[in-house]
Amino acid sequence: LVGIGAEGCHPAALFSYPDFPKDSHNCLAPQNEIARVHAQLLLALVDDLGQLHSDATYTFLDLYGANVYVLDHAQELVLLQVLSSIAFSDPTPIYN
């Protein structure tokens, strides 16, 4: 099962609704609250299904949680991206 991402952080949503309240990530708070609650309810449903059908396997992809993790750790992740691009970069110049 796949949840929905942090819809309030999409550039199109931010552009379309500039006056909506913002959350701590400067994203649209109402849209992200809907996504957060959706993820919470979907995870509870997966837990219930697992109890009802213990012989089945369910996987929940929490896109909202993943989006929030990236936003919360943006500086660390950018640093890792820069370091890995330096470590694995081809020394050949792209432009002559």
PDB file of N, CA and C in Angstrom:
ATOM      1  N   LEU A   1       0.847  -1.172   0.000  1.00  0.00           N
ATOM      2  CA  LEU A   1       0.000   0.000   0.000  1.00  0.00           C
ATOM      3  C   LEU A   1       0.890   1.231   0.000  1.00  0.00           C
ATOM      4  N   VAL A   2       0.473   2.219  -0.756  1.00  0.00           N
ATOM      5  CA  VAL A   2       1.282   3.426  -0.895  1.00  0.00           C
ATOM      6  C   VAL A   2       0.498   4.613  -0.363  1.00  0.00           C
ATOM      7  N   GLY A   3       1.116   5.358   0.534  1.00  0.00           N
ATOM      8  CA  GLY A   3       0.508   6.571   1.046  1.00  0.00           C
ATOM      9  C   GLY A   3       0.739   7.735   0.086  1.00  0.00           C
ATOM     10  N   ILE A   4       0.253   8.889   0.462  1.00  0.00           N
ATOM     11  CA  ILE A   4       0.478  10.085  -0.345  1.00  0.00           C
ATOM     12  C   ILE A   4       1.601  10.891   0.282  1.00  0.00           C
ATOM     13  N   GLY A   5       2.302  11.625  -0.552  1.00  0.00           N
ATOM     14  CA  GLY A   5       3.422  12.426  -0.075  1.00  0.00           C
ATOM     15  C   GLY A   5       2.969  13.735   0.548  1.00  0.00           C
ATOM     16  N   ALA A   6       3.933  14.547   0.887  1.00  0.00           N
ATOM     17  CA  ALA A   6       3.672  15.862   1.477  1.00  0.00           C
ATOM     18  C   ALA A   6       3.196  16.802   0.373  1.00  0.00           C
ATOM     19  N   GLU A   7       1.916  16.677   0.045  1.00  0.00           N
ATOM     20  CA  GLU A   7       1.337  17.415  -1.082  1.00  0.00           C
ATOM     21  C   GLU A   7       1.470  18.923  -0.911  1.00  0.00           C
ATOM     22  N   GLY A   8       1.500  19.386   0.307  1.00  0.00           N
ATOM     23  CA  GLY A   8       1.619  20.824   0.563  1.00  0.00           C
ATOM     24  C   GLY A   8       2.983  21.398   0.244  1.00  0.00           C
ATOM     25  N   CYS A   9       3.940  20.546  -0.107  1.00  0.00           N
ATOM     26  CA  CYS A   9       5.289  21.013  -0.457  1.00  0.00           C
ATOM     27  C   CYS A   9       5.513  21.081  -1.966  1.00  0.00           C
ATOM     28  N   HIS A  10       4.547  20.649  -2.748  1.00  0.00           N
ATOM     29  CA  HIS A  10       4.706  20.695  -4.200  1.00  0.00           C
ATOM     30  C   HIS A  10       4.749  22.143  -4.669  1.00  0.00           C
ATOM     31  N   PRO A  11       5.689  22.479  -5.533  1.00  0.00           N
ATOM     32  CA  PRO A  11       5.777  23.853  -6.027  1.00  0.00           C
ATOM     33  C   PRO A  11       4.469  24.371  -6.631  1.00  0.00           C
ATOM     34  N   ALA A  12       3.742  23.524  -7.345  1.00  0.00           N
ATOM     35  CA  ALA A  12       2.474  23.968  -7.944  1.00  0.00           C
ATOM     36  C   ALA A  12       1.467  24.356  -6.860  1.00  0.00           C
ATOM     37  N   ALA A  13       1.409  23.591  -5.780  1.00  0.00           N
ATOM     38  CA  ALA A  13       0.490  23.911  -4.685  1.00  0.00           C
ATOM     39  C   ALA A  13       0.906  25.210  -3.998  1.00  0.00           C
ATOM     40  N   LEU A  14       2.197  25.363  -3.749  1.00  0.00           N
ATOM     41  CA  LEU A  14       2.690  26.587  -3.113  1.00  0.00           C
ATOM     42  C   LEU A  14       2.417  27.810  -3.976  1.00  0.00           C
ATOM     43  N   PHE A  15       2.572  27.665  -5.280  1.00  0.00           N
ATOM     44  CA  PHE A  15       2.322  28.764  -6.200  1.00  0.00           C
ATOM     45  C   PHE A  15       0.829  29.081  -6.287  1.00  0.00           C
ATOM     46  N   SER A  16      -0.002  28.042  -6.294  1.00  0.00           N
ATOM     47  CA  SER A  16      -1.443  28.227  -6.454  1.00  0.00           C
ATOM     48  C   SER A  16      -2.112  28.802  -5.208  1.00  0.00           C
ATOM     49  N   TYR A  17      -1.561  28.527  -4.045  1.00  0.00           N
ATOM     50  CA  TYR A  17      -2.189  28.950  -2.790  1.00  0.00           C
ATOM     51  C   TYR A  17      -1.184  29.695  -1.907  1.00  0.00           C
ATOM     52  N   PRO A  18      -0.690  30.834  -2.353  1.00  0.00           N
ATOM     53  CA  PRO A  18       0.362  31.535  -1.607  1.00  0.00           C
ATOM     54  C   PRO A  18      -0.080  32.054  -0.240  1.00  0.00           C
ATOM     55  N   ASP A  19      -1.384  32.234  -0.033  1.00  0.00           N
ATOM     56  CA  ASP A  19      -1.874  32.796   1.232  1.00  0.00           C
ATOM     57  C   ASP A  19      -2.300  31.744   2.251  1.00  0.00           C
ATOM     58  N   PHE A  20      -2.214  30.458   1.891  1.00  0.00           N
ATOM     59  CA  PHE A  20      -2.576  29.408   2.841  1.00  0.00           C
ATOM     60  C   PHE A  20      -1.556  29.383   3.981  1.00  0.00           C
ATOM     61  N   PRO A  21      -1.968  28.937   5.178  1.00  0.00           N
ATOM     62  CA  PRO A  21      -1.021  28.828   6.291  1.00  0.00           C
ATOM     63  C   PRO A  21       0.087  27.831   5.979  1.00  0.00           C
ATOM     64  N   LYS A  22       1.278  28.127   6.486  1.00  0.00           N
ATOM     65  CA  LYS A  22       2.458  27.289   6.239  1.00  0.00           C
ATOM     66  C   LYS A  22       2.797  26.493   7.496  1.00  0.00           C
ATOM     67  N   ASP A  23       3.438  25.342   7.290  1.00  0.00           N
ATOM     68  CA  ASP A  23       3.897  24.522   8.414  1.00  0.00           C
ATOM     69  C   ASP A  23       5.364  24.832   8.693  1.00  0.00           C
ATOM     70  N   SER A  24       5.981  24.036   9.529  1.00  0.00           N
ATOM     71  CA  SER A  24       7.374  24.287   9.922  1.00  0.00           C
ATOM     72  C   SER A  24       8.365  24.123   8.768  1.00  0.00           C
ATOM     73  N   HIS A  25       7.935  23.502   7.674  1.00  0.00           N
ATOM     74  CA  HIS A  25       8.802  23.328   6.504  1.00  0.00           C
ATOM     75  C   HIS A  25       8.508  24.368   5.428  1.00  0.00           C
ATOM     76  N   ASN A  26       7.650  25.337   5.773  1.00  0.00           N
ATOM     77  CA  ASN A  26       7.213  26.378   4.843  1.00  0.00           C
ATOM     78  C   ASN A  26       6.384  25.794   3.696  1.00  0.00           C
ATOM     79  N   CYS A  27       5.685  24.709   3.984  1.00  0.00           N
ATOM     80  CA  CYS A  27       4.781  24.075   3.039  1.00  0.00           C
ATOM     81  C   CYS A  27       3.347  24.372   3.479  1.00  0.00           C
ATOM     82  N   LEU A  28       2.386  24.068   2.635  1.00  0.00           N
ATOM     83  CA  LEU A  28       0.987  24.340   2.958  1.00  0.00           C
ATOM     84  C   LEU A  28       0.512  23.407   4.064  1.00  0.00           C
ATOM     85  N   ALA A  29       0.171  23.995   5.207  1.00  0.00           N
ATOM     86  CA  ALA A  29      -0.207  23.214   6.381  1.00  0.00           C
ATOM     87  C   ALA A  29      -1.464  22.365   6.176  1.00  0.00           C
ATOM     88  N   PRO A  30      -2.558  22.897   5.587  1.00  0.00           N
ATOM     89  CA  PRO A  30      -3.758  22.055   5.462  1.00  0.00           C
ATOM     90  C   PRO A  30      -3.531  20.801   4.612  1.00  0.00           C
ATOM     91  N   GLN A  31      -2.831  20.940   3.500  1.00  0.00           N
ATOM     92  CA  GLN A  31      -2.583  19.790   2.632  1.00  0.00           C
ATOM     93  C   GLN A  31      -1.690  18.770   3.328  1.00  0.00           C
ATOM     94  N   ASN A  32      -0.684  19.241   4.031  1.00  0.00           N
ATOM     95  CA  ASN A  32       0.210  18.298   4.712  1.00  0.00           C
ATOM     96  C   ASN A  32      -0.463  17.628   5.902  1.00  0.00           C
ATOM     97  N   GLU A  33      -1.397  18.309   6.540  1.00  0.00           N
ATOM     98  CA  GLU A  33      -2.134  17.680   7.640  1.00  0.00           C
ATOM     99  C   GLU A  33      -2.995  16.538   7.100  1.00  0.00           C
ATOM    100  N   ILE A  34      -3.612  16.750   5.944  1.00  0.00           N
ATOM    101  CA  ILE A  34      -4.398  15.681   5.315  1.00  0.00           C
ATOM    102  C   ILE A  34      -3.488  14.494   4.991  1.00  0.00           C
ATOM    103  N   ALA A  35      -2.317  14.751   4.441  1.00  0.00           N
ATOM    104  CA  ALA A  35      -1.385  13.677   4.089  1.00  0.00           C
ATOM    105  C   ALA A  35      -0.903  12.941   5.340  1.00  0.00           C
ATOM    106  N   ARG A  36      -0.651  13.688   6.419  1.00  0.00           N
ATOM    107  CA  ARG A  36      -0.188  13.078   7.673  1.00  0.00           C
ATOM    108  C   ARG A  36      -1.261  12.152   8.242  1.00  0.00           C
ATOM    109  N   VAL A  37      -2.495  12.637   8.289  1.00  0.00           N
ATOM    110  CA  VAL A  37      -3.597  11.834   8.825  1.00  0.00           C
ATOM    111  C   VAL A  37      -3.847  10.615   7.934  1.00  0.00           C
ATOM    112  N   HIS A  38      -3.772  10.803   6.629  1.00  0.00           N
ATOM    113  CA  HIS A  38      -3.944   9.690   5.692  1.00  0.00           C
ATOM    114  C   HIS A  38      -2.909   8.596   5.976  1.00  0.00           C
ATOM    115  N   ALA A  39      -1.656   8.989   6.163  1.00  0.00           N
ATOM    116  CA  ALA A  39      -0.593   8.015   6.445  1.00  0.00           C
ATOM    117  C   ALA A  39      -0.865   7.289   7.761  1.00  0.00           C
ATOM    118  N   GLN A  40      -1.293   8.038   8.762  1.00  0.00           N
ATOM    119  CA  GLN A  40      -1.582   7.448  10.069  1.00  0.00           C
ATOM    120  C   GLN A  40      -2.726   6.429   9.970  1.00  0.00           C
ATOM    121  N   LEU A  41      -3.791   6.788   9.262  1.00  0.00           N
ATOM    122  CA  LEU A  41      -4.939   5.883   9.122  1.00  0.00           C
ATOM    123  C   LEU A  41      -4.602   4.667   8.257  1.00  0.00           C
ATOM    124  N   LEU A  42      -3.825   4.887   7.211  1.00  0.00           N
ATOM    125  CA  LEU A  42      -3.453   3.775   6.345  1.00  0.00           C
ATOM    126  C   LEU A  42      -2.558   2.784   7.080  1.00  0.00           C
ATOM    127  N   LEU A  43      -1.643   3.288   7.893  1.00  0.00           N
ATOM    128  CA  LEU A  43      -0.791   2.396   8.679  1.00  0.00           C
ATOM    129  C   LEU A  43      -1.632   1.587   9.676  1.00  0.00           C
ATOM    130  N   ALA A  44      -2.624   2.219  10.285  1.00  0.00           N
ATOM    131  CA  ALA A  44      -3.518   1.493  11.199  1.00  0.00           C
ATOM    132  C   ALA A  44      -4.290   0.407  10.449  1.00  0.00           C
ATOM    133  N   LEU A  45      -4.708   0.705   9.227  1.00  0.00           N
ATOM    134  CA  LEU A  45      -5.404  -0.284   8.408  1.00  0.00           C
ATOM    135  C   LEU A  45      -4.487  -1.472   8.092  1.00  0.00           C
ATOM    136  N   VAL A  46      -3.242  -1.180   7.750  1.00  0.00           N
ATOM    137  CA  VAL A  46      -2.282  -2.258   7.461  1.00  0.00           C
ATOM    138  C   VAL A  46      -2.082  -3.121   8.705  1.00  0.00           C
ATOM    139  N   ASP A  47      -1.980  -2.492   9.866  1.00  0.00           N
ATOM    140  CA  ASP A  47      -1.846  -3.254  11.113  1.00  0.00           C
ATOM    141  C   ASP A  47      -3.071  -4.148  11.344  1.00  0.00           C
ATOM    142  N   ASP A  48      -4.266  -3.588  11.113  1.00  0.00           N
ATOM    143  CA  ASP A  48      -5.492  -4.375  11.292  1.00  0.00           C
ATOM    144  C   ASP A  48      -5.545  -5.546  10.313  1.00  0.00           C
ATOM    145  N   LEU A  49      -5.182  -5.293   9.071  1.00  0.00           N
ATOM    146  CA  LEU A  49      -5.176  -6.370   8.075  1.00  0.00           C
ATOM    147  C   LEU A  49      -4.198  -7.471   8.461  1.00  0.00           C
ATOM    148  N   GLY A  50      -3.039  -7.064   8.986  1.00  0.00           N
ATOM    149  CA  GLY A  50      -2.047  -8.035   9.416  1.00  0.00           C
ATOM    150  C   GLY A  50      -2.554  -8.925  10.534  1.00  0.00           C
ATOM    151  N   GLN A  51      -3.370  -8.356  11.432  1.00  0.00           N
ATOM    152  CA  GLN A  51      -3.940  -9.148  12.520  1.00  0.00           C
ATOM    153  C   GLN A  51      -5.055 -10.065  12.019  1.00  0.00           C
ATOM    154  N   LEU A  52      -5.837  -9.567  11.062  1.00  0.00           N
ATOM    155  CA  LEU A  52      -6.937 -10.379  10.523  1.00  0.00           C
ATOM    156  C   LEU A  52      -6.440 -11.494   9.613  1.00  0.00           C
ATOM    157  N   HIS A  53      -5.390 -11.228   8.889  1.00  0.00           N
ATOM    158  CA  HIS A  53      -4.861 -12.182   7.906  1.00  0.00           C
ATOM    159  C   HIS A  53      -3.361 -12.360   8.156  1.00  0.00           C
ATOM    160  N   SER A  54      -3.051 -13.093   9.192  1.00  0.00           N
ATOM    161  CA  SER A  54      -1.653 -13.251   9.599  1.00  0.00           C
ATOM    162  C   SER A  54      -0.824 -14.040   8.585  1.00  0.00           C
ATOM    163  N   ASP A  55      -1.481 -14.720   7.648  1.00  0.00           N
ATOM    164  CA  ASP A  55      -0.755 -15.476   6.633  1.00  0.00           C
ATOM    165  C   ASP A  55      -0.359 -14.609   5.433  1.00  0.00           C
ATOM    166  N   ALA A  56      -0.824 -13.369   5.406  1.00  0.00           N
ATOM    167  CA  ALA A  56      -0.505 -12.466   4.291  1.00  0.00           C
ATOM    168  C   ALA A  56       0.563 -11.464   4.713  1.00  0.00           C
ATOM    169  N   THR A  57       1.254 -10.935   3.725  1.00  0.00           N
ATOM    170  CA  THR A  57       2.276  -9.916   3.974  1.00  0.00           C
ATOM    171  C   THR A  57       1.824  -8.605   3.348  1.00  0.00           C
ATOM    172  N   TYR A  58       1.894  -7.550   4.126  1.00  0.00           N
ATOM    173  CA  TYR A  58       1.512  -6.220   3.650  1.00  0.00           C
ATOM    174  C   TYR A  58       2.709  -5.293   3.774  1.00  0.00           C
ATOM    175  N   THR A  59       2.874  -4.456   2.783  1.00  0.00           N
ATOM    176  CA  THR A  59       3.947  -3.467   2.793  1.00  0.00           C
ATOM    177  C   THR A  59       3.319  -2.094   2.653  1.00  0.00           C
ATOM    178  N   PHE A  60       3.719  -1.189   3.510  1.00  0.00           N
ATOM    179  CA  PHE A  60       3.210   0.180   3.474  1.00  0.00           C
ATOM    180  C   PHE A  60       4.357   1.111   3.139  1.00  0.00           C
ATOM    181  N   LEU A  61       4.224   1.863   2.060  1.00  0.00           N
ATOM    182  CA  LEU A  61       5.220   2.857   1.672  1.00  0.00           C
ATOM    183  C   LEU A  61       4.737   4.215   2.166  1.00  0.00           C
ATOM    184  N   ASP A  62       5.378   4.718   3.178  1.00  0.00           N
ATOM    185  CA  ASP A  62       4.986   5.976   3.816  1.00  0.00           C
ATOM    186  C   ASP A  62       5.678   7.146   3.110  1.00  0.00           C
ATOM    187  N   LEU A  63       5.087   7.611   2.033  1.00  0.00           N
ATOM    188  CA  LEU A  63       5.687   8.711   1.275  1.00  0.00           C
ATOM    189  C   LEU A  63       5.693  10.004   2.068  1.00  0.00           C
ATOM    190  N   TYR A  64       4.652  10.239   2.863  1.00  0.00           N
ATOM    191  CA  TYR A  64       4.630  11.446   3.679  1.00  0.00           C
ATOM    192  C   TYR A  64       5.798  11.437   4.669  1.00  0.00           C
ATOM    193  N   GLY A  65       5.974  10.316   5.365  1.00  0.00           N
ATOM    194  CA  GLY A  65       7.076  10.214   6.322  1.00  0.00           C
ATOM    195  C   GLY A  65       8.429  10.368   5.651  1.00  0.00           C
ATOM    196  N   ALA A  66       8.566   9.807   4.452  1.00  0.00           N
ATOM    197  CA  ALA A  66       9.826   9.945   3.710  1.00  0.00           C
ATOM    198  C   ALA A  66      10.064  11.397   3.319  1.00  0.00           C
ATOM    199  N   ASN A  67       9.013  12.082   2.867  1.00  0.00           N
ATOM    200  CA  ASN A  67       9.154  13.493   2.499  1.00  0.00           C
ATOM    201  C   ASN A  67       9.561  14.339   3.701  1.00  0.00           C
ATOM    202  N   VAL A  68       8.912  14.106   4.826  1.00  0.00           N
ATOM    203  CA  VAL A  68       9.220  14.871   6.035  1.00  0.00           C
ATOM    204  C   VAL A  68      10.642  14.579   6.503  1.00  0.00           C
ATOM    205  N   TYR A  69      11.074  13.327   6.398  1.00  0.00           N
ATOM    206  CA  TYR A  69      12.448  12.980   6.777  1.00  0.00           C
ATOM    207  C   TYR A  69      13.448  13.769   5.931  1.00  0.00           C
ATOM    208  N   VAL A  70      13.214  13.820   4.636  1.00  0.00           N
ATOM    209  CA  VAL A  70      14.124  14.557   3.750  1.00  0.00           C
ATOM    210  C   VAL A  70      14.121  16.036   4.115  1.00  0.00           C
ATOM    211  N   LEU A  71      12.951  16.604   4.382  1.00  0.00           N
ATOM    212  CA  LEU A  71      12.881  18.015   4.753  1.00  0.00           C
ATOM    213  C   LEU A  71      13.580  18.269   6.080  1.00  0.00           C
ATOM    214  N   ASP A  72      13.403  17.368   7.040  1.00  0.00           N
ATOM    215  CA  ASP A  72      14.037  17.524   8.355  1.00  0.00           C
ATOM    216  C   ASP A  72      15.555  17.359   8.312  1.00  0.00           C
ATOM    217  N   HIS A  73      16.065  16.611   7.338  1.00  0.00           N
ATOM    218  CA  HIS A  73      17.498  16.311   7.260  1.00  0.00           C
ATOM    219  C   HIS A  73      18.133  16.846   5.983  1.00  0.00           C
ATOM    220  N   ALA A  74      17.553  17.897   5.432  1.00  0.00           N
ATOM    221  CA  ALA A  74      17.990  18.407   4.129  1.00  0.00           C
ATOM    222  C   ALA A  74      19.470  18.770   4.109  1.00  0.00           C
ATOM    223  N   GLN A  75      19.947  19.456   5.123  1.00  0.00           N
ATOM    224  CA  GLN A  75      21.354  19.875   5.112  1.00  0.00           C
ATOM    225  C   GLN A  75      22.293  18.677   5.155  1.00  0.00           C
ATOM    226  N   GLU A  76      21.976  17.688   5.969  1.00  0.00           N
ATOM    227  CA  GLU A  76      22.804  16.481   6.033  1.00  0.00           C
ATOM    228  C   GLU A  76      22.802  15.751   4.689  1.00  0.00           C
ATOM    229  N   LEU A  77      21.617  15.628   4.098  1.00  0.00           N
ATOM    230  CA  LEU A  77      21.490  14.882   2.847  1.00  0.00           C
ATOM    231  C   LEU A  77      22.186  15.595   1.699  1.00  0.00           C
ATOM    232  N   VAL A  78      22.115  16.909   1.664  1.00  0.00           N
ATOM    233  CA  VAL A  78      22.824  17.665   0.621  1.00  0.00           C
ATOM    234  C   VAL A  78      24.320  17.489   0.793  1.00  0.00           C
ATOM    235  N   LEU A  79      24.798  17.536   2.020  1.00  0.00           N
ATOM    236  CA  LEU A  79      26.225  17.340   2.269  1.00  0.00           C
ATOM    237  C   LEU A  79      26.654  15.957   1.788  1.00  0.00           C
ATOM    238  N   LEU A  80      25.861  14.926   2.089  1.00  0.00           N
ATOM    239  CA  LEU A  80      26.205  13.583   1.633  1.00  0.00           C
ATOM    240  C   LEU A  80      26.184  13.501   0.110  1.00  0.00           C
ATOM    241  N   GLN A  81      25.238  14.173  -0.510  1.00  0.00           N
ATOM    242  CA  GLN A  81      25.153  14.164  -1.967  1.00  0.00           C
ATOM    243  C   GLN A  81      26.384  14.840  -2.569  1.00  0.00           C
ATOM    244  N   VAL A  82      26.779  15.957  -1.997  1.00  0.00           N
ATOM    245  CA  VAL A  82      27.963  16.658  -2.504  1.00  0.00           C
ATOM    246  C   VAL A  82      29.201  15.794  -2.325  1.00  0.00           C
ATOM    247  N   LEU A  83      29.359  15.202  -1.141  1.00  0.00           N
ATOM    248  CA  LEU A  83      30.531  14.363  -0.887  1.00  0.00           C
ATOM    249  C   LEU A  83      30.559  13.149  -1.806  1.00  0.00           C
ATOM    250  N   SER A  84      29.399  12.510  -2.026  1.00  0.00           N
ATOM    251  CA  SER A  84      29.404  11.333  -2.890  1.00  0.00           C
ATOM    252  C   SER A  84      29.637  11.731  -4.340  1.00  0.00           C
ATOM    253  N   SER A  85      29.153  12.896  -4.748  1.00  0.00           N
ATOM    254  CA  SER A  85      29.400  13.311  -6.131  1.00  0.00           C
ATOM    255  C   SER A  85      30.874  13.628  -6.342  1.00  0.00           C
ATOM    256  N   ILE A  86      31.528  14.133  -5.315  1.00  0.00           N
ATOM    257  CA  ILE A  86      32.976  14.399  -5.419  1.00  0.00           C
ATOM    258  C   ILE A  86      33.736  13.073  -5.430  1.00  0.00           C
ATOM    259  N   ALA A  87      33.356  12.168  -4.536  1.00  0.00           N
ATOM    260  CA  ALA A  87      34.072  10.903  -4.412  1.00  0.00           C
ATOM    261  C   ALA A  87      33.926  10.030  -5.649  1.00  0.00           C
ATOM    262  N   PHE A  88      32.781  10.087  -6.310  1.00  0.00           N
ATOM    263  CA  PHE A  88      32.529   9.197  -7.441  1.00  0.00           C
ATOM    264  C   PHE A  88      32.503   9.925  -8.772  1.00  0.00           C
ATOM    265  N   SER A  89      32.955  11.165  -8.765  1.00  0.00           N
ATOM    266  CA  SER A  89      32.889  11.924 -10.028  1.00  0.00           C
ATOM    267  C   SER A  89      34.020  11.528 -10.964  1.00  0.00           C
ATOM    268  N   ASP A  90      33.711  11.672 -12.213  1.00  0.00           N
ATOM    269  CA  ASP A  90      34.700  11.443 -13.272  1.00  0.00           C
ATOM    270  C   ASP A  90      35.539  12.720 -13.382  1.00  0.00           C
ATOM    271  N   PRO A  91      36.850  12.621 -13.281  1.00  0.00           N
ATOM    272  CA  PRO A  91      37.672  13.831 -13.331  1.00  0.00           C
ATOM    273  C   PRO A  91      37.700  14.484 -14.722  1.00  0.00           C
ATOM    274  N   THR A  92      37.155  13.815 -15.722  1.00  0.00           N
ATOM    275  CA  THR A  92      37.150  14.385 -17.067  1.00  0.00           C
ATOM    276  C   THR A  92      36.174  15.541 -17.118  1.00  0.00           C
ATOM    277  N   PRO A  93      36.602  16.713 -17.606  1.00  0.00           N
ATOM    278  CA  PRO A  93      35.682  17.850 -17.681  1.00  0.00           C
ATOM    279  C   PRO A  93      34.521  17.558 -18.630  1.00  0.00           C
ATOM    280  N   ILE A  94      33.352  18.083 -18.269  1.00  0.00           N
ATOM    281  CA  ILE A  94      32.179  17.894 -19.120  1.00  0.00           C
ATOM    282  C   ILE A  94      32.260  18.802 -20.330  1.00  0.00           C
ATOM    283  N   TYR A  95      32.744  20.025 -20.128  1.00  0.00           N
ATOM    284  CA  TYR A  95      32.818  20.996 -21.206  1.00  0.00           C
ATOM    285  C   TYR A  95      34.277  21.276 -21.528  1.00  0.00           C
ATOM    286  N   ASN A  96      34.576  21.375 -22.786  1.00  0.00           N
ATOM    287  CA  ASN A  96      35.960  21.700 -23.206  1.00  0.00           C
ATOM    288  C   ASN A  96      36.096  23.168 -23.470  1.00  0.00           C
TER     289      ASN A  96
END
